[in-house]
């Protein structure tokens, strides 16, 4: 069981912690629980994580070519840079 109670700004860190419990040879069911209290810093951090995940999903999608195929203008639009 993995309990995430101190959220990181980088969602990949939490994913790595959960992935460790799913190690090779694991035969038990793995549960990942995220504790977030509404209206707290953790709640805001969770919202930030979701925004980052959405941005990553927009940029990197399964089956598409590498990021190097994006033009400078496309990157600026994704990052909202004029």
PDB file of N, CA and C in Angstrom:
ATOM      1  N   UNK A   1       0.849  -1.167   0.000  1.00  0.00           N
ATOM      2  CA  UNK A   1       0.000   0.000   0.000  1.00  0.00           C
ATOM      3  C   UNK A   1       0.898   1.234   0.000  1.00  0.00           C
ATOM      4  N   UNK A   2       0.560   2.180  -0.866  1.00  0.00           N
ATOM      5  CA  UNK A   2       1.293   3.438  -0.943  1.00  0.00           C
ATOM      6  C   UNK A   2       0.332   4.542  -0.531  1.00  0.00           C
ATOM      7  N   UNK A   3       0.731   5.349   0.448  1.00  0.00           N
ATOM      8  CA  UNK A   3      -0.087   6.476   0.876  1.00  0.00           C
ATOM      9  C   UNK A   3       0.694   7.744   0.590  1.00  0.00           C
ATOM     10  N   UNK A   4       0.140   8.583  -0.284  1.00  0.00           N
ATOM     11  CA  UNK A   4       0.769   9.855  -0.639  1.00  0.00           C
ATOM     12  C   UNK A   4       0.077  10.949   0.160  1.00  0.00           C
ATOM     13  N   UNK A   5       0.804  11.574   1.074  1.00  0.00           N
ATOM     14  CA  UNK A   5       0.196  12.597   1.922  1.00  0.00           C
ATOM     15  C   UNK A   5       0.909  13.941   1.841  1.00  0.00           C
ATOM     16  N   UNK A   6       2.088  13.976   1.247  1.00  0.00           N
ATOM     17  CA  UNK A   6       2.847  15.215   1.094  1.00  0.00           C
ATOM     18  C   UNK A   6       3.113  15.384  -0.399  1.00  0.00           C
ATOM     19  N   UNK A   7       2.215  16.069  -1.085  1.00  0.00           N
ATOM     20  CA  UNK A   7       2.270  16.144  -2.535  1.00  0.00           C
ATOM     21  C   UNK A   7       3.473  16.940  -3.014  1.00  0.00           C
ATOM     22  N   UNK A   8       4.030  16.505  -4.132  1.00  0.00           N
ATOM     23  CA  UNK A   8       5.144  17.193  -4.779  1.00  0.00           C
ATOM     24  C   UNK A   8       4.608  18.010  -5.942  1.00  0.00           C
ATOM     25  N   UNK A   9       5.331  19.062  -6.314  1.00  0.00           N
ATOM     26  CA  UNK A   9       4.920  19.860  -7.474  1.00  0.00           C
ATOM     27  C   UNK A   9       5.099  19.066  -8.749  1.00  0.00           C
ATOM     28  N   UNK A  10       5.982  18.075  -8.716  1.00  0.00           N
ATOM     29  CA  UNK A  10       6.267  17.249  -9.885  1.00  0.00           C
ATOM     30  C   UNK A  10       5.526  15.918  -9.748  1.00  0.00           C
ATOM     31  N   UNK A  11       4.488  15.692 -10.567  1.00  0.00           N
ATOM     32  CA  UNK A  11       3.714  14.459 -10.433  1.00  0.00           C
ATOM     33  C   UNK A  11       4.522  13.197 -10.726  1.00  0.00           C
ATOM     34  N   UNK A  12       5.629  13.313 -11.436  1.00  0.00           N
ATOM     35  CA  UNK A  12       6.452  12.144 -11.761  1.00  0.00           C
ATOM     36  C   UNK A  12       7.082  11.541 -10.503  1.00  0.00           C
ATOM     37  N   UNK A  13       7.362  12.367  -9.507  1.00  0.00           N
ATOM     38  CA  UNK A  13       7.955  11.870  -8.262  1.00  0.00           C
ATOM     39  C   UNK A  13       6.974  10.937  -7.556  1.00  0.00           C
ATOM     40  N   UNK A  14       5.709  11.341  -7.520  1.00  0.00           N
ATOM     41  CA  UNK A  14       4.696  10.492  -6.891  1.00  0.00           C
ATOM     42  C   UNK A  14       4.460   9.227  -7.698  1.00  0.00           C
ATOM     43  N   UNK A  15       4.474   9.354  -9.006  1.00  0.00           N
ATOM     44  CA  UNK A  15       4.290   8.179  -9.860  1.00  0.00           C
ATOM     45  C   UNK A  15       5.413   7.175  -9.629  1.00  0.00           C
ATOM     46  N   UNK A  16       6.636   7.693  -9.456  1.00  0.00           N
ATOM     47  CA  UNK A  16       7.771   6.812  -9.196  1.00  0.00           C
ATOM     48  C   UNK A  16       7.586   6.071  -7.868  1.00  0.00           C
ATOM     49  N   UNK A  17       7.085   6.766  -6.864  1.00  0.00           N
ATOM     50  CA  UNK A  17       6.849   6.119  -5.565  1.00  0.00           C
ATOM     51  C   UNK A  17       5.820   5.001  -5.698  1.00  0.00           C
ATOM     52  N   UNK A  18       4.764   5.263  -6.453  1.00  0.00           N
ATOM     53  CA  UNK A  18       3.743   4.231  -6.663  1.00  0.00           C
ATOM     54  C   UNK A  18       4.297   3.075  -7.487  1.00  0.00           C
ATOM     55  N   UNK A  19       5.099   3.390  -8.483  1.00  0.00           N
ATOM     56  CA  UNK A  19       5.671   2.346  -9.336  1.00  0.00           C
ATOM     57  C   UNK A  19       6.586   1.407  -8.569  1.00  0.00           C
ATOM     58  N   UNK A  20       7.246   1.905  -7.547  1.00  0.00           N
ATOM     59  CA  UNK A  20       8.126   1.041  -6.748  1.00  0.00           C
ATOM     60  C   UNK A  20       7.339  -0.087  -6.095  1.00  0.00           C
ATOM     61  N   UNK A  21       6.108   0.182  -5.732  1.00  0.00           N
ATOM     62  CA  UNK A  21       5.275  -0.854  -5.114  1.00  0.00           C
ATOM     63  C   UNK A  21       4.831  -1.892  -6.135  1.00  0.00           C
ATOM     64  N   UNK A  22       4.845  -1.524  -7.410  1.00  0.00           N
ATOM     65  CA  UNK A  22       4.460  -2.448  -8.483  1.00  0.00           C
ATOM     66  C   UNK A  22       5.697  -3.142  -9.076  1.00  0.00           C
ATOM     67  N   UNK A  23       6.692  -3.349  -8.275  1.00  0.00           N
ATOM     68  CA  UNK A  23       7.958  -3.907  -8.766  1.00  0.00           C
ATOM     69  C   UNK A  23       7.757  -5.281  -9.425  1.00  0.00           C
ATOM     70  N   UNK A  24       8.744  -5.691 -10.178  1.00  0.00           N
ATOM     71  CA  UNK A  24       8.706  -6.977 -10.866  1.00  0.00           C
ATOM     72  C   UNK A  24       8.572  -8.092  -9.832  1.00  0.00           C
ATOM     73  N   UNK A  25       7.665  -8.985 -10.077  1.00  0.00           N
ATOM     74  CA  UNK A  25       7.461 -10.111  -9.172  1.00  0.00           C
ATOM     75  C   UNK A  25       6.400  -9.868  -8.116  1.00  0.00           C
ATOM     76  N   UNK A  26       5.873  -8.664  -8.058  1.00  0.00           N
ATOM     77  CA  UNK A  26       4.833  -8.351  -7.076  1.00  0.00           C
ATOM     78  C   UNK A  26       3.576  -9.145  -7.402  1.00  0.00           C
ATOM     79  N   UNK A  27       3.097  -9.903  -6.453  1.00  0.00           N
ATOM     80  CA  UNK A  27       1.909 -10.733  -6.674  1.00  0.00           C
ATOM     81  C   UNK A  27       0.694 -10.197  -5.905  1.00  0.00           C
ATOM     82  N   UNK A  28       0.934  -9.325  -4.946  1.00  0.00           N
ATOM     83  CA  UNK A  28      -0.162  -8.766  -4.155  1.00  0.00           C
ATOM     84  C   UNK A  28      -0.783  -7.561  -4.873  1.00  0.00           C
ATOM     85  N   UNK A  29      -2.031  -7.302  -4.532  1.00  0.00           N
ATOM     86  CA  UNK A  29      -2.708  -6.122  -5.064  1.00  0.00           C
ATOM     87  C   UNK A  29      -2.069  -4.880  -4.439  1.00  0.00           C
ATOM     88  N   UNK A  30      -1.779  -3.888  -5.267  1.00  0.00           N
ATOM     89  CA  UNK A  30      -1.178  -2.650  -4.779  1.00  0.00           C
ATOM     90  C   UNK A  30      -2.240  -1.555  -4.776  1.00  0.00           C
ATOM     91  N   UNK A  31      -2.385  -0.894  -3.642  1.00  0.00           N
ATOM     92  CA  UNK A  31      -3.313   0.224  -3.533  1.00  0.00           C
ATOM     93  C   UNK A  31      -2.508   1.501  -3.353  1.00  0.00           C
ATOM     94  N   UNK A  32      -2.887   2.551  -4.093  1.00  0.00           N
ATOM     95  CA  UNK A  32      -2.256   3.855  -3.952  1.00  0.00           C
ATOM     96  C   UNK A  32      -3.336   4.824  -3.481  1.00  0.00           C
ATOM     97  N   UNK A  33      -3.102   5.424  -2.335  1.00  0.00           N
ATOM     98  CA  UNK A  33      -4.063   6.347  -1.743  1.00  0.00           C
ATOM     99  C   UNK A  33      -3.416   7.727  -1.650  1.00  0.00           C
ATOM    100  N   UNK A  34      -4.114   8.728  -2.150  1.00  0.00           N
ATOM    101  CA  UNK A  34      -3.632  10.113  -2.071  1.00  0.00           C
ATOM    102  C   UNK A  34      -4.520  10.861  -1.086  1.00  0.00           C
ATOM    103  N   UNK A  35      -3.918  11.403  -0.026  1.00  0.00           N
ATOM    104  CA  UNK A  35      -4.656  12.154   0.971  1.00  0.00           C
ATOM    105  C   UNK A  35      -4.565  13.648   0.654  1.00  0.00           C
ATOM    106  N   UNK A  36      -5.714  14.260   0.374  1.00  0.00           N
ATOM    107  CA  UNK A  36      -5.769  15.686   0.069  1.00  0.00           C
ATOM    108  C   UNK A  36      -6.966  16.269   0.801  1.00  0.00           C
ATOM    109  N   UNK A  37      -6.734  17.307   1.575  1.00  0.00           N
ATOM    110  CA  UNK A  37      -7.809  17.980   2.282  1.00  0.00           C
ATOM    111  C   UNK A  37      -8.225  19.217   1.506  1.00  0.00           C
ATOM    112  N   UNK A  38      -9.506  19.354   1.286  1.00  0.00           N
ATOM    113  CA  UNK A  38     -10.044  20.456   0.499  1.00  0.00           C
ATOM    114  C   UNK A  38      -9.698  21.804   1.146  1.00  0.00           C
ATOM    115  N   UNK A  39      -9.270  22.754   0.287  1.00  0.00           N
ATOM    116  CA  UNK A  39      -8.973  24.103   0.757  1.00  0.00           C
ATOM    117  C   UNK A  39      -7.605  24.276   1.392  1.00  0.00           C
ATOM    118  N   UNK A  40      -6.720  23.306   1.229  1.00  0.00           N
ATOM    119  CA  UNK A  40      -5.376  23.389   1.813  1.00  0.00           C
ATOM    120  C   UNK A  40      -4.333  23.576   0.723  1.00  0.00           C
ATOM    121  N   UNK A  41      -3.081  23.722   1.148  1.00  0.00           N
ATOM    122  CA  UNK A  41      -1.971  23.830   0.204  1.00  0.00           C
ATOM    123  C   UNK A  41      -1.912  22.571  -0.667  1.00  0.00           C
ATOM    124  N   UNK A  42      -2.170  21.417  -0.060  1.00  0.00           N
ATOM    125  CA  UNK A  42      -2.138  20.165  -0.813  1.00  0.00           C
ATOM    126  C   UNK A  42      -3.197  20.158  -1.914  1.00  0.00           C
ATOM    127  N   UNK A  43      -4.347  20.743  -1.639  1.00  0.00           N
ATOM    128  CA  UNK A  43      -5.409  20.839  -2.631  1.00  0.00           C
ATOM    129  C   UNK A  43      -4.942  21.681  -3.817  1.00  0.00           C
ATOM    130  N   UNK A  44      -4.291  22.792  -3.537  1.00  0.00           N
ATOM    131  CA  UNK A  44      -3.751  23.643  -4.607  1.00  0.00           C
ATOM    132  C   UNK A  44      -2.634  22.924  -5.357  1.00  0.00           C
ATOM    133  N   UNK A  45      -1.813  22.177  -4.629  1.00  0.00           N
ATOM    134  CA  UNK A  45      -0.731  21.423  -5.251  1.00  0.00           C
ATOM    135  C   UNK A  45      -1.300  20.352  -6.180  1.00  0.00           C
ATOM    136  N   UNK A  46      -2.382  19.716  -5.753  1.00  0.00           N
ATOM    137  CA  UNK A  46      -3.025  18.699  -6.584  1.00  0.00           C
ATOM    138  C   UNK A  46      -3.560  19.321  -7.875  1.00  0.00           C
ATOM    139  N   UNK A  47      -4.151  20.509  -7.772  1.00  0.00           N
ATOM    140  CA  UNK A  47      -4.624  21.211  -8.970  1.00  0.00           C
ATOM    141  C   UNK A  47      -3.464  21.519  -9.908  1.00  0.00           C
ATOM    142  N   UNK A  48      -2.330  21.957  -9.345  1.00  0.00           N
ATOM    143  CA  UNK A  48      -1.144  22.229 -10.158  1.00  0.00           C
ATOM    144  C   UNK A  48      -0.665  20.959 -10.847  1.00  0.00           C
ATOM    145  N   UNK A  49      -0.657  19.849 -10.129  1.00  0.00           N
ATOM    146  CA  UNK A  49      -0.254  18.572 -10.725  1.00  0.00           C
ATOM    147  C   UNK A  49      -1.157  18.215 -11.905  1.00  0.00           C
ATOM    148  N   UNK A  50      -2.455  18.412 -11.736  1.00  0.00           N
ATOM    149  CA  UNK A  50      -3.390  18.077 -12.813  1.00  0.00           C
ATOM    150  C   UNK A  50      -3.136  18.942 -14.042  1.00  0.00           C
ATOM    151  N   UNK A  51      -2.846  20.216 -13.838  1.00  0.00           N
ATOM    152  CA  UNK A  51      -2.528  21.108 -14.958  1.00  0.00           C
ATOM    153  C   UNK A  51      -1.265  20.637 -15.678  1.00  0.00           C
ATOM    154  N   UNK A  52      -0.266  20.231 -14.890  1.00  0.00           N
ATOM    155  CA  UNK A  52       0.980  19.739 -15.489  1.00  0.00           C
ATOM    156  C   UNK A  52       0.735  18.449 -16.267  1.00  0.00           C
ATOM    157  N   UNK A  53      -0.060  17.546 -15.706  1.00  0.00           N
ATOM    158  CA  UNK A  53      -0.368  16.299 -16.409  1.00  0.00           C
ATOM    159  C   UNK A  53      -1.101  16.577 -17.712  1.00  0.00           C
ATOM    160  N   UNK A  54      -2.044  17.524 -17.689  1.00  0.00           N
ATOM    161  CA  UNK A  54      -2.764  17.881 -18.913  1.00  0.00           C
ATOM    162  C   UNK A  54      -1.827  18.462 -19.962  1.00  0.00           C
ATOM    163  N   UNK A  55      -0.887  19.300 -19.535  1.00  0.00           N
ATOM    164  CA  UNK A  55       0.083  19.868 -20.463  1.00  0.00           C
ATOM    165  C   UNK A  55       0.951  18.771 -21.074  1.00  0.00           C
ATOM    166  N   UNK A  56       1.393  17.839 -20.245  1.00  0.00           N
ATOM    167  CA  UNK A  56       2.211  16.721 -20.738  1.00  0.00           C
ATOM    168  C   UNK A  56       1.417  15.896 -21.742  1.00  0.00           C
ATOM    169  N   UNK A  57       0.137  15.639 -21.438  1.00  0.00           N
ATOM    170  CA  UNK A  57      -0.708  14.856 -22.343  1.00  0.00           C
ATOM    171  C   UNK A  57      -0.911  15.569 -23.676  1.00  0.00           C
ATOM    172  N   UNK A  58      -0.945  16.908 -23.657  1.00  0.00           N
ATOM    173  CA  UNK A  58      -1.099  17.663 -24.897  1.00  0.00           C
ATOM    174  C   UNK A  58       0.165  17.585 -25.754  1.00  0.00           C
ATOM    175  N   UNK A  59       1.311  17.567 -25.088  1.00  0.00           N
ATOM    176  CA  UNK A  59       2.586  17.587 -25.809  1.00  0.00           C
ATOM    177  C   UNK A  59       3.015  16.189 -26.233  1.00  0.00           C
ATOM    178  N   UNK A  60       2.901  15.222 -25.330  1.00  0.00           N
ATOM    179  CA  UNK A  60       3.379  13.865 -25.588  1.00  0.00           C
ATOM    180  C   UNK A  60       2.180  12.928 -25.626  1.00  0.00           C
ATOM    181  N   UNK A  61       1.910  12.386 -26.799  1.00  0.00           N
ATOM    182  CA  UNK A  61       0.803  11.449 -26.931  1.00  0.00           C
ATOM    183  C   UNK A  61       1.317  10.142 -27.517  1.00  0.00           C
ATOM    184  N   UNK A  62       0.821   9.017 -27.013  1.00  0.00           N
ATOM    185  CA  UNK A  62       1.287   7.718 -27.499  1.00  0.00           C
ATOM    186  C   UNK A  62       1.121   7.591 -29.009  1.00  0.00           C
ATOM    187  N   UNK A  63       2.139   7.047 -29.648  1.00  0.00           N
ATOM    188  CA  UNK A  63       2.076   6.789 -31.077  1.00  0.00           C
ATOM    189  C   UNK A  63       2.492   7.956 -31.950  1.00  0.00           C
ATOM    190  N   UNK A  64       2.697   9.117 -31.352  1.00  0.00           N
ATOM    191  CA  UNK A  64       3.120  10.261 -32.147  1.00  0.00           C
ATOM    192  C   UNK A  64       4.637  10.317 -32.208  1.00  0.00           C
ATOM    193  N   UNK A  65       5.120  11.129 -33.149  1.00  0.00           N
ATOM    194  CA  UNK A  65       6.565  11.272 -33.298  1.00  0.00           C
ATOM    195  C   UNK A  65       7.148  12.022 -32.109  1.00  0.00           C
ATOM    196  N   UNK A  66       8.459  12.050 -32.035  1.00  0.00           N
ATOM    197  CA  UNK A  66       9.161  12.679 -30.923  1.00  0.00           C
ATOM    198  C   UNK A  66       8.868  14.174 -30.840  1.00  0.00           C
ATOM    199  N   UNK A  67       9.167  14.743 -29.681  1.00  0.00           N
ATOM    200  CA  UNK A  67       8.938  16.171 -29.470  1.00  0.00           C
ATOM    201  C   UNK A  67       9.719  17.045 -30.442  1.00  0.00           C
ATOM    202  N   UNK A  68      10.801  16.545 -30.971  1.00  0.00           N
ATOM    203  CA  UNK A  68      11.629  17.343 -31.862  1.00  0.00           C
ATOM    204  C   UNK A  68      10.885  17.733 -33.140  1.00  0.00           C
ATOM    205  N   UNK A  69       9.734  17.114 -33.406  1.00  0.00           N
ATOM    206  CA  UNK A  69       8.981  17.455 -34.600  1.00  0.00           C
ATOM    207  C   UNK A  69       8.088  18.676 -34.398  1.00  0.00           C
ATOM    208  N   UNK A  70       7.973  19.165 -33.148  1.00  0.00           N
ATOM    209  CA  UNK A  70       7.179  20.359 -32.898  1.00  0.00           C
ATOM    210  C   UNK A  70       7.949  21.587 -33.359  1.00  0.00           C
ATOM    211  N   UNK A  71       7.238  22.514 -33.954  1.00  0.00           N
ATOM    212  CA  UNK A  71       7.874  23.749 -34.384  1.00  0.00           C
ATOM    213  C   UNK A  71       8.007  24.688 -33.192  1.00  0.00           C
ATOM    214  N   UNK A  72       8.825  25.709 -33.354  1.00  0.00           N
ATOM    215  CA  UNK A  72       8.980  26.685 -32.281  1.00  0.00           C
ATOM    216  C   UNK A  72       7.637  27.348 -31.972  1.00  0.00           C
ATOM    217  N   UNK A  73       6.874  27.657 -33.006  1.00  0.00           N
ATOM    218  CA  UNK A  73       5.579  28.299 -32.808  1.00  0.00           C
ATOM    219  C   UNK A  73       4.617  27.388 -32.036  1.00  0.00           C
ATOM    220  N   UNK A  74       4.618  26.097 -32.341  1.00  0.00           N
ATOM    221  CA  UNK A  74       3.758  25.155 -31.623  1.00  0.00           C
ATOM    222  C   UNK A  74       4.132  25.086 -30.147  1.00  0.00           C
ATOM    223  N   UNK A  75       5.431  25.070 -29.852  1.00  0.00           N
ATOM    224  CA  UNK A  75       5.882  25.059 -28.462  1.00  0.00           C
ATOM    225  C   UNK A  75       5.453  26.336 -27.738  1.00  0.00           C
ATOM    226  N   UNK A  76       5.582  27.472 -28.432  1.00  0.00           N
ATOM    227  CA  UNK A  76       5.165  28.750 -27.825  1.00  0.00           C
ATOM    228  C   UNK A  76       3.666  28.754 -27.511  1.00  0.00           C
ATOM    229  N   UNK A  77       2.870  28.201 -28.431  1.00  0.00           N
ATOM    230  CA  UNK A  77       1.422  28.149 -28.218  1.00  0.00           C
ATOM    231  C   UNK A  77       1.097  27.244 -27.020  1.00  0.00           C
ATOM    232  N   UNK A  78       1.743  26.094 -26.933  1.00  0.00           N
ATOM    233  CA  UNK A  78       1.475  25.169 -25.834  1.00  0.00           C
ATOM    234  C   UNK A  78       1.852  25.820 -24.497  1.00  0.00           C
ATOM    235  N   UNK A  79       2.988  26.519 -24.486  1.00  0.00           N
ATOM    236  CA  UNK A  79       3.468  27.143 -23.250  1.00  0.00           C
ATOM    237  C   UNK A  79       2.904  28.544 -23.052  1.00  0.00           C
ATOM    238  N   UNK A  80       2.055  28.988 -23.986  1.00  0.00           N
ATOM    239  CA  UNK A  80       1.437  30.309 -23.938  1.00  0.00           C
ATOM    240  C   UNK A  80       2.455  31.429 -23.876  1.00  0.00           C
ATOM    241  N   UNK A  81       3.514  31.310 -24.686  1.00  0.00           N
ATOM    242  CA  UNK A  81       4.542  32.347 -24.789  1.00  0.00           C
ATOM    243  C   UNK A  81       4.285  33.116 -26.078  1.00  0.00           C
ATOM    244  N   UNK A  82       4.175  34.462 -26.001  1.00  0.00           N
ATOM    245  CA  UNK A  82       3.908  35.236 -27.229  1.00  0.00           C
ATOM    246  C   UNK A  82       5.047  35.172 -28.231  1.00  0.00           C
TER     247      UNK A  82
END
